[in-house]
Amino acid sequence: MRSKGIEAEAHAQLTPSINLIAAYSYTDAVTKESAISGQVGHTPASIPRHAASAWGSYRFRHGALQGLTLGSGVRYTGTSWGDSEGGFKIPHYTLYDLMAKYELEQASPALRGATLQLNVNNVADKHYVASCGNTSACFYGSGRSVIASLAYSW
């Protein structure tokens, strides 16, 4: 297989409260040699040509919401082949995510370093095909998930 491409990522802290992250990748992958002749010259299965993501967050630094950070993001995965012979395509999909994090020190100085976080991935509960190995072996991606975490750092 031969793979060429580019990946780019940018981080920006627009203000002390606003952070942005964006990423993009372009992949041109082709099977050059294979024991299966139908694969030669085709893109291997489940490798999208385009993928992109963006994330933004806002941290409240003053007032009643001090210590709270809210974020949202979007993830795009482009069309890919469902098999290595170029027989069928996996459609592109876009997923949206949300996050809320609270620094518990704001509630009590004794909790310095502790954070409580809630993440919601695939907010719209989009049903999508994440990958395939062949026409009878495709796999759906994860539905909506809600994850709560408590972390402590020192």
C-alpha atoms as a PDB file:
ATOM      1  CA  MET A   1       0.000   0.000   0.000  1.00  0.00           C
ATOM      2  CA  ARG A   2       1.095   3.539  -0.722  1.00  0.00           C
ATOM      3  CA  SER A   3      -0.299   6.383   1.351  1.00  0.00           C
ATOM      4  CA  LYS A   4       0.284  10.097   0.848  1.00  0.00           C
ATOM      5  CA  GLY A   5      -1.430  12.963   2.555  1.00  0.00           C
ATOM      6  CA  ILE A   6      -1.367  15.918   4.837  1.00  0.00           C
ATOM      7  CA  GLU A   7      -2.481  16.602   8.381  1.00  0.00           C
ATOM      8  CA  ALA A   8      -2.910  20.042   9.887  1.00  0.00           C
ATOM      9  CA  GLU A   9      -3.934  21.145  13.351  1.00  0.00           C
ATOM     10  CA  ALA A  10      -4.355  24.613  14.803  1.00  0.00           C
ATOM     11  CA  HIS A  11      -4.825  25.740  18.384  1.00  0.00           C
ATOM     12  CA  ALA A  12      -5.914  29.257  19.272  1.00  0.00           C
ATOM     13  CA  GLN A  13      -6.487  30.877  22.628  1.00  0.00           C
ATOM     14  CA  LEU A  14      -8.508  33.897  21.517  1.00  0.00           C
ATOM     15  CA  THR A  15      -8.928  35.256  25.045  1.00  0.00           C
ATOM     16  CA  PRO A  16      -8.052  33.859  28.488  1.00  0.00           C
ATOM     17  CA  SER A  17     -11.521  32.229  28.378  1.00  0.00           C
ATOM     18  CA  ILE A  18     -11.940  31.128  24.748  1.00  0.00           C
ATOM     19  CA  ASN A  19     -10.009  28.208  23.225  1.00  0.00           C
ATOM     20  CA  LEU A  20     -10.372  26.771  19.730  1.00  0.00           C
ATOM     21  CA  ILE A  21      -8.877  23.677  18.115  1.00  0.00           C
ATOM     22  CA  ALA A  22      -9.290  22.630  14.476  1.00  0.00           C
ATOM     23  CA  ALA A  23      -7.818  19.691  12.574  1.00  0.00           C
ATOM     24  CA  TYR A  24      -7.934  18.374   9.011  1.00  0.00           C
ATOM     25  CA  SER A  25      -6.435  15.397   7.238  1.00  0.00           C
ATOM     26  CA  TYR A  26      -6.271  14.386   3.598  1.00  0.00           C
ATOM     27  CA  THR A  27      -5.231  10.831   2.748  1.00  0.00           C
ATOM     28  CA  ASP A  28      -4.567   9.385  -0.692  1.00  0.00           C
ATOM     29  CA  ALA A  29      -4.077   5.653  -0.122  1.00  0.00           C
ATOM     30  CA  VAL A  30      -3.780   3.047  -2.888  1.00  0.00           C
ATOM     31  CA  THR A  31      -3.083  -0.687  -2.798  1.00  0.00           C
ATOM     32  CA  LYS A  32       0.030  -1.232  -4.929  1.00  0.00           C
ATOM     33  CA  GLU A  33       0.500  -4.986  -4.461  1.00  0.00           C
ATOM     34  CA  SER A  34      -1.856  -7.717  -3.294  1.00  0.00           C
ATOM     35  CA  ALA A  35      -2.435 -11.433  -3.691  1.00  0.00           C
ATOM     36  CA  ILE A  36      -6.008 -10.434  -4.586  1.00  0.00           C
ATOM     37  CA  SER A  37      -5.784  -8.790  -8.007  1.00  0.00           C
ATOM     38  CA  GLY A  38      -9.039  -6.813  -7.582  1.00  0.00           C
ATOM     39  CA  GLN A  39      -7.477  -4.779  -4.769  1.00  0.00           C
ATOM     40  CA  VAL A  40      -4.549  -3.376  -6.776  1.00  0.00           C
ATOM     41  CA  GLY A  41      -5.122   0.261  -7.696  1.00  0.00           C
ATOM     42  CA  HIS A  42      -7.977   0.727  -5.216  1.00  0.00           C
ATOM     43  CA  THR A  43      -8.131   2.543  -1.901  1.00  0.00           C
ATOM     44  CA  PRO A  44      -8.145   0.119   1.063  1.00  0.00           C
ATOM     45  CA  ALA A  45     -11.414  -0.235   2.983  1.00  0.00           C
ATOM     46  CA  SER A  46     -12.458   2.315   5.620  1.00  0.00           C
ATOM     47  CA  ILE A  47      -9.814   4.946   4.810  1.00  0.00           C
ATOM     48  CA  PRO A  48     -11.572   8.277   4.206  1.00  0.00           C
ATOM     49  CA  ARG A  49      -9.924  10.784   1.899  1.00  0.00           C
ATOM     50  CA  HIS A  50     -11.045  13.696   4.125  1.00  0.00           C
ATOM     51  CA  ALA A  51     -11.506  14.023   7.892  1.00  0.00           C
ATOM     52  CA  ALA A  52     -11.894  17.170   9.967  1.00  0.00           C
ATOM     53  CA  SER A  53     -12.764  18.268  13.478  1.00  0.00           C
ATOM     54  CA  ALA A  54     -13.229  21.467  15.441  1.00  0.00           C
ATOM     55  CA  TRP A  55     -13.640  22.138  19.146  1.00  0.00           C
ATOM     56  CA  GLY A  56     -14.326  25.294  21.089  1.00  0.00           C
ATOM     57  CA  SER A  57     -14.560  25.955  24.800  1.00  0.00           C
ATOM     58  CA  TYR A  58     -15.402  28.864  27.049  1.00  0.00           C
ATOM     59  CA  ARG A  59     -14.188  29.085  30.671  1.00  0.00           C
ATOM     60  CA  PHE A  60     -16.090  31.391  32.998  1.00  0.00           C
ATOM     61  CA  ARG A  61     -13.498  33.321  34.981  1.00  0.00           C
ATOM     62  CA  HIS A  62     -15.713  35.622  37.055  1.00  0.00           C
ATOM     63  CA  GLY A  63     -19.130  35.751  38.663  1.00  0.00           C
ATOM     64  CA  ALA A  64     -21.530  33.015  39.714  1.00  0.00           C
ATOM     65  CA  LEU A  65     -20.319  30.618  36.994  1.00  0.00           C
ATOM     66  CA  GLN A  66     -16.603  31.002  37.776  1.00  0.00           C
ATOM     67  CA  GLY A  67     -14.832  27.649  37.391  1.00  0.00           C
ATOM     68  CA  LEU A  68     -17.304  26.328  34.817  1.00  0.00           C
ATOM     69  CA  THR A  69     -16.082  25.463  31.304  1.00  0.00           C
ATOM     70  CA  LEU A  70     -18.491  24.691  28.460  1.00  0.00           C
ATOM     71  CA  GLY A  71     -17.383  23.216  25.161  1.00  0.00           C
ATOM     72  CA  SER A  72     -18.731  21.889  21.901  1.00  0.00           C
ATOM     73  CA  GLY A  73     -17.234  20.169  18.921  1.00  0.00           C
ATOM     74  CA  VAL A  74     -17.875  18.657  15.541  1.00  0.00           C
ATOM     75  CA  ARG A  75     -16.211  15.650  13.857  1.00  0.00           C
ATOM     76  CA  TYR A  76     -16.466  14.910  10.134  1.00  0.00           C
ATOM     77  CA  THR A  77     -15.393  11.679   8.450  1.00  0.00           C
ATOM     78  CA  GLY A  78     -15.543  11.629   4.673  1.00  0.00           C
ATOM     79  CA  THR A  79     -16.744   8.907   2.348  1.00  0.00           C
ATOM     80  CA  SER A  80     -14.609   5.778   2.259  1.00  0.00           C
ATOM     81  CA  TRP A  81     -14.700   2.469   0.447  1.00  0.00           C
ATOM     82  CA  GLY A  82     -16.474  -0.413   2.172  1.00  0.00           C
ATOM     83  CA  ASP A  83     -14.201  -3.006   0.623  1.00  0.00           C
ATOM     84  CA  SER A  84     -10.718  -3.065  -0.864  1.00  0.00           C
ATOM     85  CA  GLU A  85     -11.956  -3.731  -4.404  1.00  0.00           C
ATOM     86  CA  GLY A  86     -13.915  -0.468  -4.737  1.00  0.00           C
ATOM     87  CA  GLY A  87     -17.266  -2.281  -4.758  1.00  0.00           C
ATOM     88  CA  PHE A  88     -19.286  -0.011  -2.453  1.00  0.00           C
ATOM     89  CA  LYS A  89     -18.884   3.146  -0.407  1.00  0.00           C
ATOM     90  CA  ILE A  90     -19.379   3.975   3.257  1.00  0.00           C
ATOM     91  CA  PRO A  91     -21.221   7.322   3.457  1.00  0.00           C
ATOM     92  CA  HIS A  92     -19.649  10.334   5.135  1.00  0.00           C
ATOM     93  CA  TYR A  93     -20.916  11.376   8.570  1.00  0.00           C
ATOM     94  CA  THR A  94     -20.741  14.310  10.959  1.00  0.00           C
ATOM     95  CA  LEU A  95     -20.987  14.001  14.746  1.00  0.00           C
ATOM     96  CA  TYR A  96     -21.480  16.680  17.412  1.00  0.00           C
ATOM     97  CA  ASP A  97     -20.188  16.606  20.994  1.00  0.00           C
ATOM     98  CA  LEU A  98     -20.736  18.680  24.158  1.00  0.00           C
ATOM     99  CA  MET A  99     -18.786  19.094  27.392  1.00  0.00           C
ATOM    100  CA  ALA A 100     -19.282  20.780  30.766  1.00  0.00           C
ATOM    101  CA  LYS A 101     -16.523  20.860  33.385  1.00  0.00           C
ATOM    102  CA  TYR A 102     -16.540  22.412  36.848  1.00  0.00           C
ATOM    103  CA  GLU A 103     -13.498  23.134  39.010  1.00  0.00           C
ATOM    104  CA  LEU A 104     -14.670  22.001  42.453  1.00  0.00           C
ATOM    105  CA  GLU A 105     -12.273  24.423  44.166  1.00  0.00           C
ATOM    106  CA  GLN A 106     -14.896  27.088  43.435  1.00  0.00           C
ATOM    107  CA  ALA A 107     -17.304  25.282  45.788  1.00  0.00           C
ATOM    108  CA  SER A 108     -14.694  24.574  48.480  1.00  0.00           C
ATOM    109  CA  PRO A 109     -10.974  25.491  48.632  1.00  0.00           C
ATOM    110  CA  ALA A 110     -10.344  22.035  50.158  1.00  0.00           C
ATOM    111  CA  LEU A 111     -11.205  20.527  46.749  1.00  0.00           C
ATOM    112  CA  ARG A 112      -8.381  22.290  44.905  1.00  0.00           C
ATOM    113  CA  GLY A 113      -7.297  20.197  41.913  1.00  0.00           C
ATOM    114  CA  ALA A 114     -10.601  18.308  41.660  1.00  0.00           C
ATOM    115  CA  THR A 115     -12.832  18.638  38.603  1.00  0.00           C
ATOM    116  CA  LEU A 116     -16.211  17.207  37.731  1.00  0.00           C
ATOM    117  CA  GLN A 117     -16.849  16.741  34.011  1.00  0.00           C
ATOM    118  CA  LEU A 118     -19.736  15.631  31.817  1.00  0.00           C
ATOM    119  CA  ASN A 119     -19.230  14.710  28.150  1.00  0.00           C
ATOM    120  CA  VAL A 120     -21.959  13.924  25.634  1.00  0.00           C
ATOM    121  CA  ASN A 121     -20.606  12.351  22.446  1.00  0.00           C
ATOM    122  CA  ASN A 122     -22.733  12.040  19.300  1.00  0.00           C
ATOM    123  CA  VAL A 123     -25.351  14.367  20.800  1.00  0.00           C
ATOM    124  CA  ALA A 124     -27.825  13.794  17.947  1.00  0.00           C
ATOM    125  CA  ASP A 125     -27.521   9.998  18.382  1.00  0.00           C
ATOM    126  CA  LYS A 126     -26.702   9.705  14.676  1.00  0.00           C
ATOM    127  CA  HIS A 127     -26.720   6.197  13.227  1.00  0.00           C
ATOM    128  CA  TYR A 128     -23.789   5.725  10.876  1.00  0.00           C
ATOM    129  CA  VAL A 129     -21.549   3.036   9.452  1.00  0.00           C
ATOM    130  CA  ALA A 130     -18.075   3.450  10.941  1.00  0.00           C
ATOM    131  CA  SER A 131     -16.245   0.745   8.972  1.00  0.00           C
ATOM    132  CA  CYS A 132     -16.607  -2.336   6.803  1.00  0.00           C
ATOM    133  CA  GLY A 133     -14.383  -5.264   5.953  1.00  0.00           C
ATOM    134  CA  ASN A 134     -16.616  -6.456   3.104  1.00  0.00           C
ATOM    135  CA  THR A 135     -20.281  -6.327   2.062  1.00  0.00           C
ATOM    136  CA  SER A 136     -21.394  -8.542   4.949  1.00  0.00           C
ATOM    137  CA  ALA A 137     -19.140  -7.178   7.696  1.00  0.00           C
ATOM    138  CA  CYS A 138     -20.013  -3.529   8.356  1.00  0.00           C
ATOM    139  CA  PHE A 139     -20.062  -1.987  11.811  1.00  0.00           C
ATOM    140  CA  TYR A 140     -22.158   0.859  13.130  1.00  0.00           C
ATOM    141  CA  GLY A 141     -20.431   3.616  15.062  1.00  0.00           C
ATOM    142  CA  SER A 142     -21.176   4.444  18.671  1.00  0.00           C
ATOM    143  CA  GLY A 143     -24.511   6.028  19.452  1.00  0.00           C
ATOM    144  CA  ARG A 144     -24.939   8.856  21.931  1.00  0.00           C
ATOM    145  CA  SER A 145     -22.873   8.383  25.067  1.00  0.00           C
ATOM    146  CA  VAL A 146     -22.932  10.357  28.288  1.00  0.00           C
ATOM    147  CA  ILE A 147     -19.818  10.104  30.431  1.00  0.00           C
ATOM    148  CA  ALA A 148     -19.345  11.688  33.842  1.00  0.00           C
ATOM    149  CA  SER A 149     -15.918  11.826  35.432  1.00  0.00           C
ATOM    150  CA  LEU A 150     -14.336  13.065  38.610  1.00  0.00           C
ATOM    151  CA  ALA A 151     -10.632  13.853  38.367  1.00  0.00           C
ATOM    152  CA  TYR A 152      -7.998  15.061  40.768  1.00  0.00           C
ATOM    153  CA  SER A 153      -4.623  16.485  39.814  1.00  0.00           C
ATOM    154  CA  TRP A 154      -1.816  17.777  41.967  1.00  0.00           C
END
